[in-house]
Amino acid sequence: MASAVTGTSILDKINNSRNSLATNEQTFLKLLTTQLKNQDPLAPTDTAQMTSQITQMTGVEQQLVTNDLLAALVGMNDGGGISQGVNLMGKQVTAETDKSVLKNGEASWSYTQSRSATAVKIEVVDKFGKTIASILPDDMAGGDHTFKWDGKSTPEGVKQPDGGEYTIKVSATDAAGTKLTTTAKGRIEGVVTKVTNESGVNMVWIGDTKVPLDSVIGVTNAPATTT
């Protein structure tokens, strides 16, 4: 769902231009100061020329501010932008992200392990960075895996309430103690309640969780509600 030229990449270009301008501006001021210090009192620097140079530098800075505003507009329209996000309002969506929300007492993730391991540990981490549960799975083969968490903390076994947002950390090592490469992804499902643009990135809100618009991988009509 992402376009070839994103609002983020445009902002990167603008920031690079600004950094280059800052360097050039400092150099310009140093040269100007040196020129004023060493000018011939009988033939001082032409003030009109100096004013012209300062005006040109100021003009470039003003252009960068204009570029920021244009980048924001491009970001809002990136890949359909806000309008595309608005079309998702009230829809049931599925988004692939590193998070998963505990729903009906369960949260699930998929993770990939580069090769077989002799020890694997999965840690469930809440939105505050606290490890809630640590699990040692039986399956330690390489490849793709699915991990489902029952919402219980370890070792206490306290059931966490529905609605919490969690991520997982997967640690795997082989017989030699070498750490293996692992990647983990979660899925969030729910109804889109809000659409925002943050630093050129379009975000959709699924309940209280916000995810990038281009992470949405499925859309259906929201389930009917009973009154």
N, C-alpha and C. Protein backbone atom coordinates (compact mmCIF):
# COMPACT_ATOMS: atom_id res chain seq x y z
N MET A 1 0.82 -1.19 0.00
CA MET A 1 0.00 0.00 0.00
C MET A 1 0.86 1.26 0.00
N ALA A 2 2.17 1.07 0.17
CA ALA A 2 3.06 2.23 0.19
C ALA A 2 3.45 2.61 -1.21
N SER A 3 3.63 3.92 -1.43
CA SER A 3 4.04 4.39 -2.75
C SER A 3 5.54 4.43 -2.84
N ALA A 4 6.06 4.67 -4.06
CA ALA A 4 7.51 4.65 -4.27
C ALA A 4 8.18 5.82 -3.57
N VAL A 5 7.50 6.98 -3.53
CA VAL A 5 8.07 8.15 -2.88
C VAL A 5 7.21 8.46 -1.67
N THR A 6 7.73 8.26 -0.49
CA THR A 6 6.96 8.45 0.73
C THR A 6 7.24 9.80 1.34
N GLY A 7 6.29 10.23 2.23
CA GLY A 7 6.50 11.48 2.94
C GLY A 7 7.75 11.44 3.78
N THR A 8 8.06 10.26 4.33
CA THR A 8 9.25 10.13 5.16
C THR A 8 10.51 10.37 4.35
N SER A 9 10.60 9.80 3.13
CA SER A 9 11.79 9.98 2.31
C SER A 9 11.95 11.43 1.89
N ILE A 10 10.84 12.11 1.65
CA ILE A 10 10.91 13.53 1.30
C ILE A 10 11.43 14.35 2.48
N LEU A 11 10.96 14.01 3.68
CA LEU A 11 11.45 14.70 4.86
C LEU A 11 12.94 14.46 5.06
N ASP A 12 13.39 13.25 4.75
CA ASP A 12 14.82 12.94 4.86
C ASP A 12 15.63 13.85 3.94
N LYS A 13 15.14 14.02 2.71
CA LYS A 13 15.84 14.89 1.75
C LYS A 13 15.88 16.33 2.24
N ILE A 14 14.75 16.78 2.81
CA ILE A 14 14.69 18.16 3.31
C ILE A 14 15.65 18.33 4.48
N ASN A 15 15.69 17.33 5.37
CA ASN A 15 16.59 17.41 6.52
C ASN A 15 18.04 17.42 6.08
N ASN A 16 18.36 16.62 5.04
CA ASN A 16 19.73 16.62 4.51
C ASN A 16 20.08 18.00 3.94
N SER A 17 19.11 18.59 3.24
CA SER A 17 19.33 19.93 2.67
C SER A 17 19.54 20.95 3.78
N ARG A 18 18.76 20.81 4.87
CA ARG A 18 18.88 21.75 5.97
C ARG A 18 20.25 21.62 6.64
N ASN A 19 20.71 20.37 6.83
CA ASN A 19 22.03 20.17 7.43
C ASN A 19 23.12 20.78 6.57
N SER A 20 22.98 20.59 5.24
CA SER A 20 23.96 21.17 4.32
C SER A 20 23.92 22.69 4.39
N LEU A 21 22.71 23.25 4.47
CA LEU A 21 22.56 24.71 4.55
C LEU A 21 23.19 25.23 5.84
N ALA A 22 22.98 24.51 6.97
CA ALA A 22 23.54 24.95 8.24
C ALA A 22 25.06 25.02 8.17
N THR A 23 25.65 24.00 7.52
CA THR A 23 27.10 23.99 7.36
C THR A 23 27.56 25.15 6.50
N ASN A 24 26.86 25.36 5.38
CA ASN A 24 27.22 26.45 4.47
C ASN A 24 27.02 27.82 5.12
N GLU A 25 25.96 27.92 5.96
CA GLU A 25 25.67 29.19 6.62
C GLU A 25 26.77 29.53 7.61
N GLN A 26 27.23 28.52 8.37
CA GLN A 26 28.31 28.76 9.32
C GLN A 26 29.59 29.19 8.59
N THR A 27 29.85 28.51 7.47
CA THR A 27 31.03 28.87 6.67
C THR A 27 30.90 30.30 6.14
N PHE A 28 29.70 30.63 5.66
CA PHE A 28 29.44 31.98 5.12
C PHE A 28 29.66 33.05 6.20
N LEU A 29 29.16 32.80 7.40
CA LEU A 29 29.31 33.78 8.48
C LEU A 29 30.77 33.95 8.89
N LYS A 30 31.51 32.83 8.90
CA LYS A 30 32.93 32.91 9.24
C LYS A 30 33.69 33.74 8.20
N LEU A 31 33.38 33.47 6.92
CA LEU A 31 34.04 34.22 5.85
C LEU A 31 33.67 35.70 5.91
N LEU A 32 32.38 35.97 6.21
CA LEU A 32 31.93 37.36 6.29
C LEU A 32 32.61 38.08 7.44
N THR A 33 32.70 37.40 8.60
CA THR A 33 33.36 38.01 9.77
C THR A 33 34.83 38.28 9.48
N THR A 34 35.48 37.29 8.86
CA THR A 34 36.91 37.45 8.51
C THR A 34 37.08 38.61 7.53
N GLN A 35 36.17 38.71 6.57
CA GLN A 35 36.25 39.78 5.57
C GLN A 35 36.09 41.15 6.23
N LEU A 36 35.18 41.26 7.20
CA LEU A 36 34.95 42.55 7.86
C LEU A 36 36.16 42.94 8.73
N LYS A 37 36.75 41.91 9.37
CA LYS A 37 37.92 42.18 10.22
C LYS A 37 39.12 42.66 9.41
N ASN A 38 39.25 42.13 8.20
CA ASN A 38 40.45 42.39 7.40
C ASN A 38 40.21 43.35 6.23
N GLN A 39 39.07 44.01 6.23
CA GLN A 39 38.78 44.90 5.11
C GLN A 39 39.67 46.15 5.17
N ASP A 40 39.88 46.71 4.03
CA ASP A 40 40.68 47.93 3.91
C ASP A 40 39.83 49.11 4.38
N PRO A 41 40.23 49.82 5.45
CA PRO A 41 39.42 50.95 5.93
C PRO A 41 39.18 52.00 4.86
N LEU A 42 40.11 52.10 3.90
CA LEU A 42 39.95 53.10 2.85
C LEU A 42 39.04 52.61 1.72
N ALA A 43 38.82 51.28 1.69
CA ALA A 43 37.93 50.71 0.65
C ALA A 43 37.09 49.61 1.29
N PRO A 44 36.15 49.98 2.16
CA PRO A 44 35.36 48.99 2.90
C PRO A 44 34.49 48.14 1.97
N THR A 45 34.06 47.00 2.52
CA THR A 45 33.20 46.08 1.76
C THR A 45 31.89 46.77 1.38
N ASP A 46 31.45 46.50 0.19
CA ASP A 46 30.20 47.07 -0.31
C ASP A 46 29.03 46.50 0.51
N THR A 47 28.35 47.36 1.28
CA THR A 47 27.25 46.91 2.14
C THR A 47 26.09 46.35 1.32
N ALA A 48 25.89 46.88 0.14
CA ALA A 48 24.80 46.39 -0.72
C ALA A 48 25.05 44.93 -1.10
N GLN A 49 26.30 44.61 -1.41
CA GLN A 49 26.64 43.24 -1.78
C GLN A 49 26.47 42.30 -0.59
N MET A 50 26.86 42.79 0.62
CA MET A 50 26.73 42.00 1.83
C MET A 50 25.25 41.71 2.13
N THR A 51 24.44 42.76 2.01
CA THR A 51 23.00 42.61 2.25
C THR A 51 22.39 41.62 1.28
N SER A 52 22.83 41.66 0.03
CA SER A 52 22.32 40.74 -0.99
C SER A 52 22.64 39.29 -0.63
N GLN A 53 23.86 39.05 -0.14
CA GLN A 53 24.25 37.69 0.23
C GLN A 53 23.43 37.17 1.40
N ILE A 54 23.22 38.03 2.41
CA ILE A 54 22.42 37.63 3.57
C ILE A 54 20.98 37.34 3.16
N THR A 55 20.46 38.18 2.27
CA THR A 55 19.08 37.99 1.79
C THR A 55 18.93 36.66 1.06
N GLN A 56 19.94 36.30 0.26
CA GLN A 56 19.89 35.02 -0.46
C GLN A 56 19.88 33.84 0.51
N MET A 57 20.69 33.93 1.58
CA MET A 57 20.75 32.86 2.56
C MET A 57 19.40 32.73 3.29
N THR A 58 18.82 33.87 3.65
CA THR A 58 17.51 33.87 4.31
C THR A 58 16.44 33.29 3.39
N GLY A 59 16.55 33.61 2.11
CA GLY A 59 15.58 33.08 1.14
C GLY A 59 15.61 31.58 1.07
N VAL A 60 16.81 30.99 1.15
CA VAL A 60 16.93 29.52 1.12
C VAL A 60 16.28 28.92 2.36
N GLU A 61 16.47 29.55 3.53
CA GLU A 61 15.86 29.05 4.76
C GLU A 61 14.34 29.09 4.66
N GLN A 62 13.81 30.18 4.11
CA GLN A 62 12.36 30.28 3.94
C GLN A 62 11.84 29.22 2.98
N GLN A 63 12.64 28.88 1.96
CA GLN A 63 12.23 27.85 1.01
C GLN A 63 12.14 26.48 1.70
N LEU A 64 13.06 26.23 2.64
CA LEU A 64 13.04 24.96 3.37
C LEU A 64 11.78 24.85 4.24
N VAL A 65 11.37 25.97 4.83
CA VAL A 65 10.12 25.96 5.61
C VAL A 65 8.95 25.62 4.69
N THR A 66 8.94 26.22 3.50
CA THR A 66 7.90 25.92 2.52
C THR A 66 7.93 24.44 2.15
N ASN A 67 9.14 23.89 1.99
CA ASN A 67 9.28 22.47 1.66
C ASN A 67 8.71 21.59 2.76
N ASP A 68 8.89 21.99 4.03
CA ASP A 68 8.32 21.23 5.15
C ASP A 68 6.81 21.14 5.02
N LEU A 69 6.20 22.28 4.69
CA LEU A 69 4.75 22.30 4.54
C LEU A 69 4.30 21.43 3.37
N LEU A 70 5.05 21.49 2.26
CA LEU A 70 4.72 20.67 1.10
C LEU A 70 4.89 19.19 1.43
N ALA A 71 5.94 18.85 2.20
CA ALA A 71 6.18 17.46 2.57
C ALA A 71 5.04 16.93 3.42
N ALA A 72 4.51 17.79 4.30
CA ALA A 72 3.38 17.37 5.13
C ALA A 72 2.17 17.05 4.26
N LEU A 73 1.97 17.91 3.23
CA LEU A 73 0.85 17.67 2.32
C LEU A 73 1.06 16.39 1.52
N VAL A 74 2.31 16.16 1.07
CA VAL A 74 2.61 14.94 0.32
C VAL A 74 2.40 13.72 1.20
N GLY A 75 2.84 13.84 2.48
CA GLY A 75 2.66 12.73 3.41
C GLY A 75 1.20 12.40 3.62
N MET A 76 0.37 13.44 3.68
CA MET A 76 -1.07 13.21 3.87
C MET A 76 -1.69 12.54 2.66
N ASN A 77 -1.07 12.71 1.50
CA ASN A 77 -1.62 12.11 0.29
C ASN A 77 -0.80 10.94 -0.21
N ASP A 78 0.20 10.52 0.57
CA ASP A 78 1.08 9.41 0.19
C ASP A 78 0.29 8.11 0.10
N GLY A 79 0.33 7.47 -1.07
CA GLY A 79 -0.34 6.19 -1.24
C GLY A 79 -1.82 6.29 -1.00
N GLY A 80 -2.43 7.44 -1.22
CA GLY A 80 -3.84 7.59 -0.91
C GLY A 80 -4.01 8.38 0.36
N GLY A 81 -2.95 8.38 1.19
CA GLY A 81 -2.87 9.21 2.37
C GLY A 81 -4.07 9.15 3.28
N ILE A 82 -4.39 10.32 3.86
CA ILE A 82 -5.48 10.41 4.81
C ILE A 82 -6.78 9.91 4.18
N SER A 83 -6.98 10.25 2.91
CA SER A 83 -8.23 9.84 2.25
C SER A 83 -8.36 8.32 2.22
N GLN A 84 -7.24 7.62 1.96
CA GLN A 84 -7.27 6.17 1.95
C GLN A 84 -7.53 5.64 3.36
N GLY A 85 -6.91 6.29 4.35
CA GLY A 85 -7.13 5.88 5.73
C GLY A 85 -8.57 6.10 6.15
N VAL A 86 -9.14 7.24 5.72
CA VAL A 86 -10.53 7.55 6.06
C VAL A 86 -11.47 6.47 5.50
N ASN A 87 -11.12 5.92 4.35
CA ASN A 87 -11.95 4.84 3.78
C ASN A 87 -11.98 3.60 4.67
N LEU A 88 -10.99 3.50 5.58
CA LEU A 88 -10.94 2.35 6.49
C LEU A 88 -11.72 2.60 7.78
N MET A 89 -12.15 3.84 7.99
CA MET A 89 -12.87 4.17 9.21
C MET A 89 -14.10 3.27 9.36
N GLY A 90 -14.23 2.66 10.55
CA GLY A 90 -15.37 1.79 10.81
C GLY A 90 -15.24 0.40 10.24
N LYS A 91 -14.13 0.12 9.52
CA LYS A 91 -13.91 -1.20 8.93
C LYS A 91 -13.14 -2.10 9.91
N GLN A 92 -13.37 -3.38 9.78
CA GLN A 92 -12.59 -4.36 10.53
C GLN A 92 -11.31 -4.63 9.74
N VAL A 93 -10.16 -4.40 10.36
CA VAL A 93 -8.90 -4.58 9.64
C VAL A 93 -7.97 -5.52 10.40
N THR A 94 -7.03 -6.08 9.65
CA THR A 94 -5.96 -6.87 10.23
C THR A 94 -4.65 -6.21 9.84
N ALA A 95 -3.81 -5.93 10.83
CA ALA A 95 -2.52 -5.27 10.59
C ALA A 95 -1.40 -6.16 11.10
N GLU A 96 -0.33 -6.21 10.31
CA GLU A 96 0.85 -6.98 10.72
C GLU A 96 1.86 -6.01 11.33
N THR A 97 2.21 -6.26 12.57
CA THR A 97 3.11 -5.37 13.30
C THR A 97 3.87 -6.19 14.32
N ASP A 98 4.71 -5.55 15.12
CA ASP A 98 5.42 -6.30 16.15
C ASP A 98 4.56 -6.50 17.39
N LYS A 99 3.41 -5.84 17.44
CA LYS A 99 2.54 -5.91 18.61
C LYS A 99 1.42 -6.94 18.42
N SER A 100 0.86 -7.35 19.56
CA SER A 100 -0.36 -8.15 19.54
C SER A 100 -1.17 -7.73 20.77
N VAL A 101 -2.47 -7.71 20.62
CA VAL A 101 -3.35 -7.29 21.71
C VAL A 101 -4.04 -8.51 22.30
N LEU A 102 -4.02 -8.60 23.61
CA LEU A 102 -4.68 -9.72 24.30
C LEU A 102 -6.19 -9.58 24.12
N LYS A 103 -6.78 -10.57 23.46
CA LYS A 103 -8.20 -10.53 23.15
C LYS A 103 -8.80 -11.90 23.42
N ASN A 104 -9.90 -11.92 24.16
CA ASN A 104 -10.53 -13.19 24.56
C ASN A 104 -9.52 -14.12 25.23
N GLY A 105 -8.63 -13.50 26.02
CA GLY A 105 -7.68 -14.28 26.80
C GLY A 105 -6.53 -14.85 26.00
N GLU A 106 -6.28 -14.34 24.79
CA GLU A 106 -5.20 -14.90 23.98
C GLU A 106 -4.57 -13.83 23.09
N ALA A 107 -3.26 -13.96 22.88
CA ALA A 107 -2.52 -13.13 21.93
C ALA A 107 -1.59 -14.05 21.16
N SER A 108 -1.36 -13.74 19.89
CA SER A 108 -0.54 -14.64 19.08
C SER A 108 0.46 -13.86 18.23
N TRP A 109 1.56 -14.51 17.93
CA TRP A 109 2.61 -13.96 17.08
C TRP A 109 3.13 -15.07 16.17
N SER A 110 3.82 -14.69 15.12
CA SER A 110 4.58 -15.63 14.32
C SER A 110 6.04 -15.22 14.43
N TYR A 111 6.93 -16.19 14.45
CA TYR A 111 8.35 -15.85 14.50
C TYR A 111 9.14 -16.83 13.65
N THR A 112 10.26 -16.37 13.16
CA THR A 112 11.13 -17.17 12.30
C THR A 112 12.48 -17.35 12.97
N GLN A 113 12.97 -18.58 12.93
CA GLN A 113 14.26 -18.93 13.53
C GLN A 113 15.18 -19.38 12.41
N SER A 114 16.39 -18.84 12.37
CA SER A 114 17.29 -19.10 11.23
C SER A 114 17.65 -20.57 11.07
N ARG A 115 17.80 -21.30 12.18
CA ARG A 115 18.08 -22.74 12.11
C ARG A 115 17.74 -23.38 13.45
N SER A 116 17.93 -24.67 13.54
CA SER A 116 17.58 -25.38 14.77
C SER A 116 18.41 -24.89 15.95
N ALA A 117 17.79 -24.92 17.12
CA ALA A 117 18.45 -24.45 18.34
C ALA A 117 18.41 -25.54 19.40
N THR A 118 19.22 -25.36 20.41
CA THR A 118 19.18 -26.27 21.56
C THR A 118 18.50 -25.59 22.75
N ALA A 119 18.30 -24.28 22.65
CA ALA A 119 17.61 -23.55 23.71
C ALA A 119 16.88 -22.36 23.10
N VAL A 120 15.59 -22.24 23.44
CA VAL A 120 14.78 -21.12 22.95
C VAL A 120 13.98 -20.55 24.12
N LYS A 121 13.97 -19.23 24.24
CA LYS A 121 13.16 -18.58 25.26
C LYS A 121 12.34 -17.47 24.61
N ILE A 122 11.06 -17.42 24.95
CA ILE A 122 10.17 -16.37 24.45
C ILE A 122 9.70 -15.54 25.63
N GLU A 123 9.96 -14.24 25.54
CA GLU A 123 9.55 -13.32 26.60
C GLU A 123 8.41 -12.45 26.08
N VAL A 124 7.34 -12.35 26.87
CA VAL A 124 6.23 -11.47 26.54
C VAL A 124 6.42 -10.16 27.31
N VAL A 125 6.45 -9.05 26.56
CA VAL A 125 6.77 -7.74 27.15
C VAL A 125 5.58 -6.80 26.99
N ASP A 126 5.23 -6.10 28.07
CA ASP A 126 4.10 -5.17 27.98
C ASP A 126 4.54 -3.84 27.40
N LYS A 127 3.60 -2.90 27.25
CA LYS A 127 3.89 -1.62 26.59
C LYS A 127 4.83 -0.74 27.40
N PHE A 128 5.06 -1.11 28.68
CA PHE A 128 5.98 -0.34 29.51
C PHE A 128 7.38 -0.94 29.50
N GLY A 129 7.58 -2.02 28.72
CA GLY A 129 8.89 -2.65 28.65
C GLY A 129 9.14 -3.70 29.72
N LYS A 130 8.10 -4.04 30.49
CA LYS A 130 8.24 -5.03 31.55
C LYS A 130 7.95 -6.43 31.02
N THR A 131 8.82 -7.39 31.36
CA THR A 131 8.60 -8.77 30.95
C THR A 131 7.52 -9.38 31.83
N ILE A 132 6.42 -9.82 31.21
CA ILE A 132 5.27 -10.36 31.93
C ILE A 132 5.38 -11.88 32.05
N ALA A 133 5.88 -12.51 30.99
CA ALA A 133 5.95 -13.97 30.99
C ALA A 133 7.18 -14.44 30.22
N SER A 134 7.73 -15.56 30.65
CA SER A 134 8.86 -16.21 29.97
C SER A 134 8.47 -17.66 29.72
N ILE A 135 8.54 -18.07 28.46
CA ILE A 135 8.13 -19.42 28.07
C ILE A 135 9.27 -20.12 27.35
N LEU A 136 9.45 -21.41 27.62
CA LEU A 136 10.45 -22.22 26.94
C LEU A 136 9.70 -23.20 26.03
N PRO A 137 9.60 -22.90 24.73
CA PRO A 137 8.83 -23.76 23.82
C PRO A 137 9.54 -25.10 23.59
N ASP A 138 8.73 -26.12 23.29
CA ASP A 138 9.28 -27.45 23.02
C ASP A 138 9.88 -27.54 21.62
N ASP A 139 9.26 -26.82 20.67
CA ASP A 139 9.71 -26.87 19.28
C ASP A 139 10.87 -25.91 19.07
N MET A 140 12.04 -26.46 18.78
CA MET A 140 13.23 -25.62 18.60
C MET A 140 13.81 -25.74 17.20
N ALA A 141 13.01 -26.28 16.27
CA ALA A 141 13.47 -26.42 14.89
C ALA A 141 13.57 -25.06 14.22
N GLY A 142 14.39 -24.97 13.16
CA GLY A 142 14.49 -23.74 12.40
C GLY A 142 13.24 -23.52 11.57
N GLY A 143 13.07 -22.29 11.09
CA GLY A 143 11.92 -21.99 10.23
C GLY A 143 10.86 -21.17 10.93
N ASP A 144 9.64 -21.25 10.39
CA ASP A 144 8.52 -20.43 10.87
C ASP A 144 7.78 -21.13 12.01
N HIS A 145 7.36 -20.31 12.97
CA HIS A 145 6.63 -20.83 14.13
C HIS A 145 5.49 -19.89 14.48
N THR A 146 4.49 -20.43 15.16
CA THR A 146 3.41 -19.63 15.71
C THR A 146 3.43 -19.77 17.23
N PHE A 147 3.35 -18.64 17.91
CA PHE A 147 3.34 -18.66 19.37
C PHE A 147 2.06 -18.03 19.87
N LYS A 148 1.32 -18.76 20.71
CA LYS A 148 0.10 -18.25 21.31
C LYS A 148 0.28 -18.16 22.82
N TRP A 149 -0.07 -17.01 23.35
CA TRP A 149 0.06 -16.77 24.79
C TRP A 149 -1.32 -16.73 25.42
N ASP A 150 -1.46 -17.41 26.57
CA ASP A 150 -2.76 -17.50 27.25
C ASP A 150 -3.04 -16.33 28.17
N GLY A 151 -2.15 -15.33 28.17
CA GLY A 151 -2.39 -14.14 28.98
C GLY A 151 -1.96 -14.26 30.43
N LYS A 152 -1.33 -15.39 30.79
CA LYS A 152 -0.93 -15.59 32.18
C LYS A 152 0.54 -15.20 32.38
N SER A 153 0.79 -14.47 33.45
CA SER A 153 2.16 -14.09 33.78
C SER A 153 2.88 -15.29 34.38
N THR A 154 4.20 -15.29 34.29
CA THR A 154 4.98 -16.35 34.92
C THR A 154 5.98 -15.74 35.89
N PRO A 155 6.21 -16.40 37.02
CA PRO A 155 5.68 -17.72 37.39
C PRO A 155 4.37 -17.64 38.16
N GLU A 156 3.84 -16.44 38.40
CA GLU A 156 2.67 -16.29 39.27
C GLU A 156 1.40 -16.91 38.71
N GLY A 157 1.27 -16.89 37.36
CA GLY A 157 0.05 -17.42 36.75
C GLY A 157 -1.12 -16.48 36.81
N VAL A 158 -0.84 -15.19 37.03
CA VAL A 158 -1.91 -14.19 37.09
C VAL A 158 -2.41 -13.88 35.69
N LYS A 159 -3.71 -13.92 35.49
CA LYS A 159 -4.30 -13.66 34.17
C LYS A 159 -4.35 -12.15 33.92
N GLN A 160 -3.77 -11.73 32.80
CA GLN A 160 -3.79 -10.32 32.43
C GLN A 160 -5.12 -9.98 31.76
N PRO A 161 -5.61 -8.74 31.97
CA PRO A 161 -6.90 -8.36 31.37
C PRO A 161 -6.82 -8.18 29.87
N ASP A 162 -7.94 -8.42 29.19
CA ASP A 162 -8.01 -8.20 27.75
C ASP A 162 -7.74 -6.74 27.42
N GLY A 163 -7.22 -6.51 26.22
CA GLY A 163 -6.98 -5.14 25.75
C GLY A 163 -5.55 -4.69 25.88
N GLY A 164 -4.72 -5.43 26.62
CA GLY A 164 -3.33 -5.05 26.77
C GLY A 164 -2.54 -5.27 25.50
N GLU A 165 -1.55 -4.41 25.27
CA GLU A 165 -0.72 -4.47 24.07
C GLU A 165 0.64 -5.05 24.43
N TYR A 166 1.08 -6.09 23.70
CA TYR A 166 2.30 -6.79 24.06
C TYR A 166 3.17 -7.05 22.82
N THR A 167 4.48 -7.23 23.07
CA THR A 167 5.41 -7.68 22.05
C THR A 167 6.15 -8.90 22.62
N ILE A 168 6.90 -9.58 21.76
CA ILE A 168 7.69 -10.71 22.26
C ILE A 168 9.16 -10.56 21.86
N LYS A 169 10.02 -11.14 22.68
CA LYS A 169 11.45 -11.26 22.38
C LYS A 169 11.77 -12.75 22.31
N VAL A 170 12.34 -13.16 21.20
CA VAL A 170 12.69 -14.57 21.03
C VAL A 170 14.21 -14.70 21.05
N SER A 171 14.71 -15.48 22.00
CA SER A 171 16.15 -15.72 22.11
C SER A 171 16.41 -17.20 21.84
N ALA A 172 17.31 -17.49 20.91
CA ALA A 172 17.63 -18.88 20.56
C ALA A 172 19.14 -19.04 20.43
N THR A 173 19.65 -20.15 20.96
CA THR A 173 21.07 -20.45 20.86
C THR A 173 21.27 -21.89 20.44
N ASP A 174 22.41 -22.18 19.81
CA ASP A 174 22.72 -23.55 19.41
C ASP A 174 23.60 -24.21 20.46
N ALA A 175 24.07 -25.43 20.16
CA ALA A 175 24.85 -26.21 21.12
C ALA A 175 26.14 -25.50 21.53
N ALA A 176 26.69 -24.68 20.63
CA ALA A 176 27.93 -23.97 20.93
C ALA A 176 27.68 -22.66 21.68
N GLY A 177 26.40 -22.36 21.94
CA GLY A 177 26.06 -21.12 22.64
C GLY A 177 25.96 -19.92 21.73
N THR A 178 26.00 -20.16 20.41
CA THR A 178 25.89 -19.07 19.44
C THR A 178 24.44 -18.60 19.33
N LYS A 179 24.26 -17.30 19.40
CA LYS A 179 22.91 -16.74 19.30
C LYS A 179 22.42 -16.79 17.86
N LEU A 180 21.21 -17.30 17.67
CA LEU A 180 20.64 -17.43 16.33
C LEU A 180 19.79 -16.21 15.99
N THR A 181 19.65 -15.97 14.70
CA THR A 181 18.83 -14.85 14.24
C THR A 181 17.35 -15.23 14.30
N THR A 182 16.56 -14.36 14.93
CA THR A 182 15.11 -14.59 15.01
C THR A 182 14.38 -13.29 14.68
N THR A 183 13.22 -13.40 14.08
CA THR A 183 12.36 -12.24 13.83
C THR A 183 10.95 -12.60 14.26
N ALA A 184 10.25 -11.62 14.83
CA ALA A 184 8.90 -11.88 15.34
C ALA A 184 7.92 -10.84 14.81
N LYS A 185 6.71 -11.29 14.51
CA LYS A 185 5.64 -10.40 14.05
C LYS A 185 4.34 -10.78 14.74
N GLY A 186 3.57 -9.75 15.05
CA GLY A 186 2.26 -9.97 15.63
C GLY A 186 1.18 -9.48 14.69
N ARG A 187 -0.05 -9.77 15.05
CA ARG A 187 -1.18 -9.28 14.25
C ARG A 187 -2.21 -8.65 15.17
N ILE A 188 -2.74 -7.54 14.70
CA ILE A 188 -3.79 -6.85 15.45
C ILE A 188 -5.04 -6.80 14.59
N GLU A 189 -6.16 -7.15 15.19
CA GLU A 189 -7.44 -7.09 14.48
C GLU A 189 -8.40 -6.21 15.26
N GLY A 190 -9.15 -5.43 14.53
CA GLY A 190 -10.14 -4.58 15.19
C GLY A 190 -10.69 -3.55 14.23
N VAL A 191 -11.53 -2.69 14.76
CA VAL A 191 -12.19 -1.67 13.96
C VAL A 191 -11.38 -0.38 14.01
N VAL A 192 -11.17 0.23 12.83
CA VAL A 192 -10.42 1.49 12.75
C VAL A 192 -11.29 2.62 13.30
N THR A 193 -10.73 3.33 14.29
CA THR A 193 -11.48 4.41 14.94
C THR A 193 -10.95 5.80 14.63
N LYS A 194 -9.71 5.87 14.12
CA LYS A 194 -9.11 7.19 13.89
C LYS A 194 -7.99 7.06 12.87
N VAL A 195 -7.73 8.15 12.13
CA VAL A 195 -6.62 8.21 11.17
C VAL A 195 -5.83 9.48 11.43
N THR A 196 -4.50 9.36 11.54
CA THR A 196 -3.66 10.53 11.79
C THR A 196 -2.44 10.50 10.88
N ASN A 197 -1.78 11.65 10.77
CA ASN A 197 -0.52 11.74 10.03
C ASN A 197 0.54 12.22 10.98
N GLU A 198 1.58 11.43 11.17
CA GLU A 198 2.62 11.75 12.14
C GLU A 198 3.98 11.77 11.45
N SER A 199 4.54 12.96 11.35
CA SER A 199 5.85 13.15 10.70
C SER A 199 5.86 12.57 9.29
N GLY A 200 4.77 12.75 8.56
CA GLY A 200 4.69 12.28 7.19
C GLY A 200 4.28 10.83 7.05
N VAL A 201 4.02 10.14 8.17
CA VAL A 201 3.61 8.73 8.12
C VAL A 201 2.14 8.65 8.50
N ASN A 202 1.33 8.03 7.64
CA ASN A 202 -0.10 7.89 7.89
C ASN A 202 -0.34 6.72 8.84
N MET A 203 -1.09 6.98 9.91
CA MET A 203 -1.35 5.98 10.93
C MET A 203 -2.85 5.73 11.05
N VAL A 204 -3.21 4.47 11.27
CA VAL A 204 -4.59 4.13 11.58
C VAL A 204 -4.63 3.61 13.01
N TRP A 205 -5.70 3.93 13.70
CA TRP A 205 -5.88 3.52 15.09
C TRP A 205 -6.86 2.37 15.16
N ILE A 206 -6.42 1.27 15.72
CA ILE A 206 -7.28 0.11 15.94
C ILE A 206 -7.50 0.05 17.44
N GLY A 207 -8.63 0.57 17.88
CA GLY A 207 -8.82 0.74 19.31
C GLY A 207 -7.86 1.79 19.80
N ASP A 208 -7.04 1.43 20.80
CA ASP A 208 -6.05 2.36 21.34
C ASP A 208 -4.67 2.14 20.74
N THR A 209 -4.56 1.24 19.77
CA THR A 209 -3.26 0.92 19.17
C THR A 209 -3.17 1.57 17.79
N LYS A 210 -2.07 2.29 17.54
CA LYS A 210 -1.88 2.91 16.23
C LYS A 210 -0.80 2.15 15.46
N VAL A 211 -1.05 1.95 14.17
CA VAL A 211 -0.12 1.23 13.31
C VAL A 211 0.00 1.99 11.99
N PRO A 212 1.14 1.87 11.28
CA PRO A 212 1.25 2.51 9.97
C PRO A 212 0.19 1.98 9.01
N LEU A 213 -0.30 2.86 8.17
CA LEU A 213 -1.33 2.49 7.21
C LEU A 213 -0.89 1.33 6.33
N ASP A 214 0.41 1.32 5.91
CA ASP A 214 0.86 0.27 5.01
C ASP A 214 1.09 -1.08 5.71
N SER A 215 0.82 -1.15 7.03
CA SER A 215 0.91 -2.44 7.72
C SER A 215 -0.42 -3.20 7.68
N VAL A 216 -1.48 -2.53 7.19
CA VAL A 216 -2.79 -3.18 7.09
C VAL A 216 -2.76 -4.21 5.96
N ILE A 217 -3.07 -5.47 6.28
CA ILE A 217 -3.00 -6.55 5.28
C ILE A 217 -4.37 -7.15 4.97
N GLY A 218 -5.42 -6.70 5.66
CA GLY A 218 -6.74 -7.23 5.40
C GLY A 218 -7.82 -6.28 5.86
N VAL A 219 -8.90 -6.19 5.10
CA VAL A 219 -10.02 -5.31 5.44
C VAL A 219 -11.34 -6.04 5.17
N THR A 220 -12.25 -5.99 6.15
CA THR A 220 -13.60 -6.53 5.97
C THR A 220 -14.58 -5.56 6.63
N ASN A 221 -15.86 -5.77 6.38
CA ASN A 221 -16.87 -4.95 7.05
C ASN A 221 -16.87 -5.29 8.54
N ALA A 222 -17.09 -4.28 9.34
CA ALA A 222 -17.11 -4.49 10.79
C ALA A 222 -18.30 -5.38 11.16
N PRO A 223 -18.13 -6.23 12.17
CA PRO A 223 -19.26 -7.09 12.60
C PRO A 223 -20.42 -6.24 13.07
N ALA A 224 -21.63 -6.73 12.80
CA ALA A 224 -22.82 -6.01 13.21
C ALA A 224 -22.91 -5.99 14.72
N THR A 225 -23.37 -4.84 15.24
CA THR A 225 -23.53 -4.71 16.70
C THR A 225 -24.99 -4.86 17.05
N THR A 226 -25.22 -5.43 18.23
CA THR A 226 -26.60 -5.59 18.67
C THR A 226 -26.92 -4.57 19.74
N THR A 227 -28.07 -3.97 19.63
CA THR A 227 -28.49 -2.96 20.60
C THR A 227 -29.51 -3.55 21.53
